[in-house]
Amino acid sequence: FVSFEIKSITAREVTLTATLIALAVVS
């Protein structure tokens, strides 16, 4: 959340993070 204030967070970055979480869960 703090990084949202410090720099711009793109939808692609959130999507990549969410995708890796999903891969970890599936694994």
PDB file of all heavy atoms in Angstrom:
ATOM      1  N   PHE A   1       0.826  -1.199   0.000  1.00  0.00           N
ATOM      2  CA  PHE A   1       0.000   0.000   0.000  1.00  0.00           C
ATOM      3  C   PHE A   1       0.870   1.263   0.000  1.00  0.00           C
ATOM      4  O   PHE A   1       0.564   2.239  -0.684  1.00  0.00           O
ATOM      5  CB  PHE A   1      -0.926   0.030   1.221  1.00  0.00           C
ATOM      6  CG  PHE A   1      -1.989  -1.037   1.194  1.00  0.00           C
ATOM      7  CD1 PHE A   1      -2.487  -1.570   2.381  1.00  0.00           C
ATOM      8  CD2 PHE A   1      -2.493  -1.510  -0.002  1.00  0.00           C
ATOM      9  CE1 PHE A   1      -3.464  -2.545   2.364  1.00  0.00           C
ATOM     10  CE2 PHE A   1      -3.463  -2.489  -0.028  1.00  0.00           C
ATOM     11  CZ  PHE A   1      -3.965  -3.013   1.158  1.00  0.00           C
ATOM     12  N   VAL A   2       1.951   1.227   0.778  1.00  0.00           N
ATOM     13  CA  VAL A   2       2.845   2.380   0.833  1.00  0.00           C
ATOM     14  C   VAL A   2       3.482   2.635  -0.534  1.00  0.00           C
ATOM     15  O   VAL A   2       3.656   3.785  -0.957  1.00  0.00           O
ATOM     16  CB  VAL A   2       3.930   2.172   1.907  1.00  0.00           C
ATOM     17  CG1 VAL A   2       4.980   3.287   1.837  1.00  0.00           C
ATOM     18  CG2 VAL A   2       3.306   2.132   3.284  1.00  0.00           C
ATOM     19  N   SER A   3       3.812   1.553  -1.240  1.00  0.00           N
ATOM     20  CA  SER A   3       4.434   1.711  -2.553  1.00  0.00           C
ATOM     21  C   SER A   3       3.494   2.380  -3.551  1.00  0.00           C
ATOM     22  O   SER A   3       3.930   3.007  -4.511  1.00  0.00           O
ATOM     23  CB  SER A   3       4.896   0.346  -3.088  1.00  0.00           C
ATOM     24  OG  SER A   3       3.789  -0.481  -3.383  1.00  0.00           O
ATOM     25  N   PHE A   4       2.182   2.246  -3.334  1.00  0.00           N
ATOM     26  CA  PHE A   4       1.229   2.949  -4.176  1.00  0.00           C
ATOM     27  C   PHE A   4       1.404   4.458  -4.044  1.00  0.00           C
ATOM     28  O   PHE A   4       1.183   5.211  -4.997  1.00  0.00           O
ATOM     29  CB  PHE A   4      -0.206   2.576  -3.797  1.00  0.00           C
ATOM     30  CG  PHE A   4      -0.725   1.370  -4.514  1.00  0.00           C
ATOM     31  CD1 PHE A   4      -0.629   0.122  -3.928  1.00  0.00           C
ATOM     32  CD2 PHE A   4      -1.292   1.453  -5.760  1.00  0.00           C
ATOM     33  CE1 PHE A   4      -1.089  -1.011  -4.570  1.00  0.00           C
ATOM     34  CE2 PHE A   4      -1.755   0.322  -6.419  1.00  0.00           C
ATOM     35  CZ  PHE A   4      -1.662  -0.903  -5.824  1.00  0.00           C
ATOM     36  N   GLU A   5       1.780   4.895  -2.839  1.00  0.00           N
ATOM     37  CA  GLU A   5       1.959   6.319  -2.598  1.00  0.00           C
ATOM     38  C   GLU A   5       3.311   6.807  -3.102  1.00  0.00           C
ATOM     39  O   GLU A   5       3.449   7.955  -3.528  1.00  0.00           O
ATOM     40  CB  GLU A   5       1.833   6.606  -1.098  1.00  0.00           C
ATOM     41  CG  GLU A   5       0.495   6.239  -0.495  1.00  0.00           C
ATOM     42  CD  GLU A   5      -0.633   7.081  -1.074  1.00  0.00           C
ATOM     43  OE1 GLU A   5      -0.378   8.251  -1.402  1.00  0.00           O
ATOM     44  OE2 GLU A   5      -1.756   6.566  -1.201  1.00  0.00           O
ATOM     45  N   ILE A   6       4.313   5.927  -3.051  1.00  0.00           N
ATOM     46  CA  ILE A   6       5.663   6.324  -3.424  1.00  0.00           C
ATOM     47  C   ILE A   6       5.834   6.358  -4.941  1.00  0.00           C
ATOM     48  O   ILE A   6       6.474   7.231  -5.495  1.00  0.00           O
ATOM     49  CB  ILE A   6       6.695   5.366  -2.794  1.00  0.00           C
ATOM     50  CG1 ILE A   6       6.620   5.473  -1.265  1.00  0.00           C
ATOM     51  CG2 ILE A   6       8.109   5.678  -3.276  1.00  0.00           C
ATOM     52  CD1 ILE A   6       7.501   4.481  -0.549  1.00  0.00           C
ATOM     53  N   LYS A   7       5.262   5.374  -5.630  1.00  0.00           N
ATOM     54  CA  LYS A   7       5.410   5.325  -7.083  1.00  0.00           C
ATOM     55  C   LYS A   7       4.117   4.825  -7.705  1.00  0.00           C
ATOM     56  O   LYS A   7       3.212   4.339  -7.023  1.00  0.00           O
ATOM     57  CB  LYS A   7       6.569   4.400  -7.467  1.00  0.00           C
ATOM     58  CG  LYS A   7       6.338   2.944  -7.103  1.00  0.00           C
ATOM     59  CD  LYS A   7       7.478   2.059  -7.600  1.00  0.00           C
ATOM     60  CE  LYS A   7       7.193   0.592  -7.297  1.00  0.00           C
ATOM     61  NZ  LYS A   7       8.229  -0.298  -7.833  1.00  0.00           N
ATOM     62  N   SER A   8       4.068   4.936  -9.004  1.00  0.00           N
ATOM     63  CA  SER A   8       2.875   4.509  -9.730  1.00  0.00           C
ATOM     64  C   SER A   8       2.891   2.995  -9.903  1.00  0.00           C
ATOM     65  O   SER A   8       3.876   2.414 -10.367  1.00  0.00           O
ATOM     66  CB  SER A   8       2.829   5.186 -11.102  1.00  0.00           C
ATOM     67  OG  SER A   8       1.723   4.739 -11.849  1.00  0.00           O
ATOM     68  N   ILE A   9       1.804   2.345  -9.525  1.00  0.00           N
ATOM     69  CA  ILE A   9       1.665   0.896  -9.678  1.00  0.00           C
ATOM     70  C   ILE A   9       0.712   0.612 -10.828  1.00  0.00           C
ATOM     71  O   ILE A   9      -0.418   1.103 -10.850  1.00  0.00           O
ATOM     72  CB  ILE A   9       1.128   0.252  -8.387  1.00  0.00           C
ATOM     73  CG1 ILE A   9       2.044   0.590  -7.213  1.00  0.00           C
ATOM     74  CG2 ILE A   9       1.013  -1.261  -8.551  1.00  0.00           C
ATOM     75  CD1 ILE A   9       3.431   0.047  -7.319  1.00  0.00           C
ATOM     76  N   THR A  10       1.168  -0.176 -11.776  1.00  0.00           N
ATOM     77  CA  THR A  10       0.347  -0.455 -12.954  1.00  0.00           C
ATOM     78  C   THR A  10      -0.519  -1.688 -12.744  1.00  0.00           C
ATOM     79  O   THR A  10      -0.242  -2.530 -11.867  1.00  0.00           O
ATOM     80  CB  THR A  10       1.236  -0.679 -14.185  1.00  0.00           C
ATOM     81  OG1 THR A  10       2.006  -1.878 -13.992  1.00  0.00           O
ATOM     82  CG2 THR A  10       2.180   0.494 -14.399  1.00  0.00           C
ATOM     83  N   ALA A  11      -1.549  -1.792 -13.555  1.00  0.00           N
ATOM     84  CA  ALA A  11      -2.413  -2.973 -13.510  1.00  0.00           C
ATOM     85  C   ALA A  11      -1.626  -4.225 -13.887  1.00  0.00           C
ATOM     86  O   ALA A  11      -1.905  -5.316 -13.380  1.00  0.00           O
ATOM     87  CB  ALA A  11      -3.595  -2.792 -14.449  1.00  0.00           C
ATOM     88  N   ARG A  12      -0.633  -4.086 -14.765  1.00  0.00           N
ATOM     89  CA  ARG A  12       0.192  -5.224 -15.163  1.00  0.00           C
ATOM     90  C   ARG A  12       0.982  -5.776 -13.972  1.00  0.00           C
ATOM     91  O   ARG A  12       1.136  -6.981 -13.827  1.00  0.00           O
ATOM     92  CB  ARG A  12       1.159  -4.811 -16.276  1.00  0.00           C
ATOM     93  CG  ARG A  12       0.475  -4.565 -17.617  1.00  0.00           C
ATOM     94  CD  ARG A  12       1.479  -4.103 -18.644  1.00  0.00           C
ATOM     95  NE  ARG A  12       0.876  -3.945 -19.962  1.00  0.00           N
ATOM     96  CZ  ARG A  12       1.524  -3.513 -21.029  1.00  0.00           C
ATOM     97  NH1 ARG A  12       2.815  -3.201 -20.931  1.00  0.00           N
ATOM     98  NH2 ARG A  12       0.903  -3.397 -22.186  1.00  0.00           N
ATOM     99  N   GLU A  13       1.486  -4.877 -13.143  1.00  0.00           N
ATOM    100  CA  GLU A  13       2.253  -5.314 -11.966  1.00  0.00           C
ATOM    101  C   GLU A  13       1.358  -6.081 -10.999  1.00  0.00           C
ATOM    102  O   GLU A  13       1.751  -7.119 -10.471  1.00  0.00           O
ATOM    103  CB  GLU A  13       2.865  -4.103 -11.274  1.00  0.00           C
ATOM    104  CG  GLU A  13       3.719  -4.463 -10.072  1.00  0.00           C
ATOM    105  CD  GLU A  13       4.407  -3.260  -9.471  1.00  0.00           C
ATOM    106  OE1 GLU A  13       4.546  -2.241 -10.166  1.00  0.00           O
ATOM    107  OE2 GLU A  13       4.811  -3.351  -8.296  1.00  0.00           O
ATOM    108  N   VAL A  14       0.159  -5.558 -10.756  1.00  0.00           N
ATOM    109  CA  VAL A  14      -0.785  -6.241  -9.868  1.00  0.00           C
ATOM    110  C   VAL A  14      -1.167  -7.594 -10.455  1.00  0.00           C
ATOM    111  O   VAL A  14      -1.257  -8.602  -9.739  1.00  0.00           O
ATOM    112  CB  VAL A  14      -2.040  -5.376  -9.645  1.00  0.00           C
ATOM    113  CG1 VAL A  14      -3.072  -6.139  -8.814  1.00  0.00           C
ATOM    114  CG2 VAL A  14      -1.678  -4.073  -8.949  1.00  0.00           C
ATOM    115  N   THR A  15      -1.370  -7.620 -11.774  1.00  0.00           N
ATOM    116  CA  THR A  15      -1.753  -8.871 -12.442  1.00  0.00           C
ATOM    117  C   THR A  15      -0.645  -9.914 -12.341  1.00  0.00           C
ATOM    118  O   THR A  15      -0.918 -11.096 -12.074  1.00  0.00           O
ATOM    119  CB  THR A  15      -2.075  -8.605 -13.918  1.00  0.00           C
ATOM    120  OG1 THR A  15      -3.148  -7.666 -14.009  1.00  0.00           O
ATOM    121  CG2 THR A  15      -2.478  -9.896 -14.626  1.00  0.00           C
ATOM    122  N   LEU A  16       0.607  -9.496 -12.544  1.00  0.00           N
ATOM    123  CA  LEU A  16       1.727 -10.435 -12.447  1.00  0.00           C
ATOM    124  C   LEU A  16       1.838 -10.995 -11.034  1.00  0.00           C
ATOM    125  O   LEU A  16       2.025 -12.212 -10.854  1.00  0.00           O
ATOM    126  CB  LEU A  16       3.028  -9.739 -12.841  1.00  0.00           C
ATOM    127  CG  LEU A  16       4.308 -10.591 -12.728  1.00  0.00           C
ATOM    128  CD1 LEU A  16       4.209 -11.842 -13.592  1.00  0.00           C
ATOM    129  CD2 LEU A  16       5.532  -9.765 -13.104  1.00  0.00           C
ATOM    130  N   THR A  17       1.712 -10.129 -10.032  1.00  0.00           N
ATOM    131  CA  THR A  17       1.783 -10.588  -8.638  1.00  0.00           C
ATOM    132  C   THR A  17       0.657 -11.573  -8.337  1.00  0.00           C
ATOM    133  O   THR A  17       0.883 -12.628  -7.728  1.00  0.00           O
ATOM    134  CB  THR A  17       1.694  -9.387  -7.677  1.00  0.00           C
ATOM    135  OG1 THR A  17       2.741  -8.463  -7.972  1.00  0.00           O
ATOM    136  CG2 THR A  17       1.823  -9.841  -6.230  1.00  0.00           C
ATOM    137  N   ALA A  18      -0.563 -11.243  -8.768  1.00  0.00           N
ATOM    138  CA  ALA A  18      -1.713 -12.126  -8.541  1.00  0.00           C
ATOM    139  C   ALA A  18      -1.537 -13.456  -9.265  1.00  0.00           C
ATOM    140  O   ALA A  18      -1.907 -14.514  -8.743  1.00  0.00           O
ATOM    141  CB  ALA A  18      -2.990 -11.440  -8.992  1.00  0.00           C
ATOM    142  N   THR A  19      -0.961 -13.417 -10.471  1.00  0.00           N
ATOM    143  CA  THR A  19      -0.735 -14.641 -11.242  1.00  0.00           C
ATOM    144  C   THR A  19       0.247 -15.562 -10.538  1.00  0.00           C
ATOM    145  O   THR A  19       0.050 -16.791 -10.469  1.00  0.00           O
ATOM    146  CB  THR A  19      -0.215 -14.303 -12.649  1.00  0.00           C
ATOM    147  OG1 THR A  19      -1.167 -13.481 -13.328  1.00  0.00           O
ATOM    148  CG2 THR A  19       0.027 -15.571 -13.458  1.00  0.00           C
ATOM    149  N   LEU A  20       1.313 -14.991  -9.978  1.00  0.00           N
ATOM    150  CA  LEU A  20       2.301 -15.807  -9.269  1.00  0.00           C
ATOM    151  C   LEU A  20       1.722 -16.382  -7.977  1.00  0.00           C
ATOM    152  O   LEU A  20       2.060 -17.510  -7.592  1.00  0.00           O
ATOM    153  CB  LEU A  20       3.552 -14.964  -8.980  1.00  0.00           C
ATOM    154  CG  LEU A  20       4.361 -14.584 -10.224  1.00  0.00           C
ATOM    155  CD1 LEU A  20       5.461 -13.592  -9.877  1.00  0.00           C
ATOM    156  CD2 LEU A  20       4.958 -15.828 -10.882  1.00  0.00           C
ATOM    157  N   ILE A  21       0.854 -15.621  -7.311  1.00  0.00           N
ATOM    158  CA  ILE A  21       0.160 -16.167  -6.139  1.00  0.00           C
ATOM    159  C   ILE A  21      -0.689 -17.358  -6.550  1.00  0.00           C
ATOM    160  O   ILE A  21      -0.686 -18.403  -5.888  1.00  0.00           O
ATOM    161  CB  ILE A  21      -0.714 -15.086  -5.478  1.00  0.00           C
ATOM    162  CG1 ILE A  21       0.168 -14.003  -4.849  1.00  0.00           C
ATOM    163  CG2 ILE A  21      -1.617 -15.700  -4.410  1.00  0.00           C
ATOM    164  CD1 ILE A  21      -0.602 -12.790  -4.363  1.00  0.00           C
ATOM    165  N   ALA A  22      -1.414 -17.203  -7.664  1.00  0.00           N
ATOM    166  CA  ALA A  22      -2.260 -18.293  -8.154  1.00  0.00           C
ATOM    167  C   ALA A  22      -1.428 -19.520  -8.519  1.00  0.00           C
ATOM    168  O   ALA A  22      -1.817 -20.666  -8.217  1.00  0.00           O
ATOM    169  CB  ALA A  22      -3.062 -17.825  -9.369  1.00  0.00           C
ATOM    170  N   LEU A  23      -0.271 -19.315  -9.145  1.00  0.00           N
ATOM    171  CA  LEU A  23       0.612 -20.442  -9.487  1.00  0.00           C
ATOM    172  C   LEU A  23       1.120 -21.151  -8.237  1.00  0.00           C
ATOM    173  O   LEU A  23       1.210 -22.388  -8.209  1.00  0.00           O
ATOM    174  CB  LEU A  23       1.796 -19.939 -10.320  1.00  0.00           C
ATOM    175  CG  LEU A  23       1.518 -19.595 -11.779  1.00  0.00           C
ATOM    176  CD1 LEU A  23       2.750 -18.967 -12.423  1.00  0.00           C
ATOM    177  CD2 LEU A  23       1.109 -20.859 -12.555  1.00  0.00           C
ATOM    178  N   ALA A  24       1.451 -20.376  -7.215  1.00  0.00           N
ATOM    179  CA  ALA A  24       1.910 -20.983  -5.959  1.00  0.00           C
ATOM    180  C   ALA A  24       0.809 -21.822  -5.329  1.00  0.00           C
ATOM    181  O   ALA A  24       1.060 -22.928  -4.833  1.00  0.00           O
ATOM    182  CB  ALA A  24       2.369 -19.887  -4.994  1.00  0.00           C
ATOM    183  N   VAL A  25      -0.417 -21.308  -5.348  1.00  0.00           N
ATOM    184  CA  VAL A  25      -1.556 -22.053  -4.797  1.00  0.00           C
ATOM    185  C   VAL A  25      -1.791 -23.333  -5.582  1.00  0.00           C
ATOM    186  O   VAL A  25      -1.963 -24.422  -5.009  1.00  0.00           O
ATOM    187  CB  VAL A  25      -2.824 -21.171  -4.809  1.00  0.00           C
ATOM    188  CG1 VAL A  25      -4.051 -22.006  -4.418  1.00  0.00           C
ATOM    189  CG2 VAL A  25      -2.670 -19.996  -3.866  1.00  0.00           C
ATOM    190  N   VAL A  26      -1.794 -23.230  -6.905  1.00  0.00           N
ATOM    191  CA  VAL A  26      -2.023 -24.405  -7.761  1.00  0.00           C
ATOM    192  C   VAL A  26      -0.906 -25.432  -7.572  1.00  0.00           C
ATOM    193  O   VAL A  26      -1.152 -26.646  -7.563  1.00  0.00           O
ATOM    194  CB  VAL A  26      -2.123 -23.977  -9.234  1.00  0.00           C
ATOM    195  CG1 VAL A  26      -2.116 -25.192 -10.155  1.00  0.00           C
ATOM    196  CG2 VAL A  26      -3.394 -23.161  -9.467  1.00  0.00           C
ATOM    197  N   SER A  27       0.337 -24.953  -7.418  1.00  0.00           N
ATOM    198  CA  SER A  27       1.456 -25.886  -7.254  1.00  0.00           C
ATOM    199  C   SER A  27       1.305 -26.705  -5.973  1.00  0.00           C
ATOM    200  O   SER A  27       1.697 -27.881  -5.927  1.00  0.00           O
ATOM    201  CB  SER A  27       2.780 -25.118  -7.232  1.00  0.00           C
ATOM    202  OG  SER A  27       2.942 -24.397  -6.016  1.00  0.00           O
TER     203      SER A  27
END
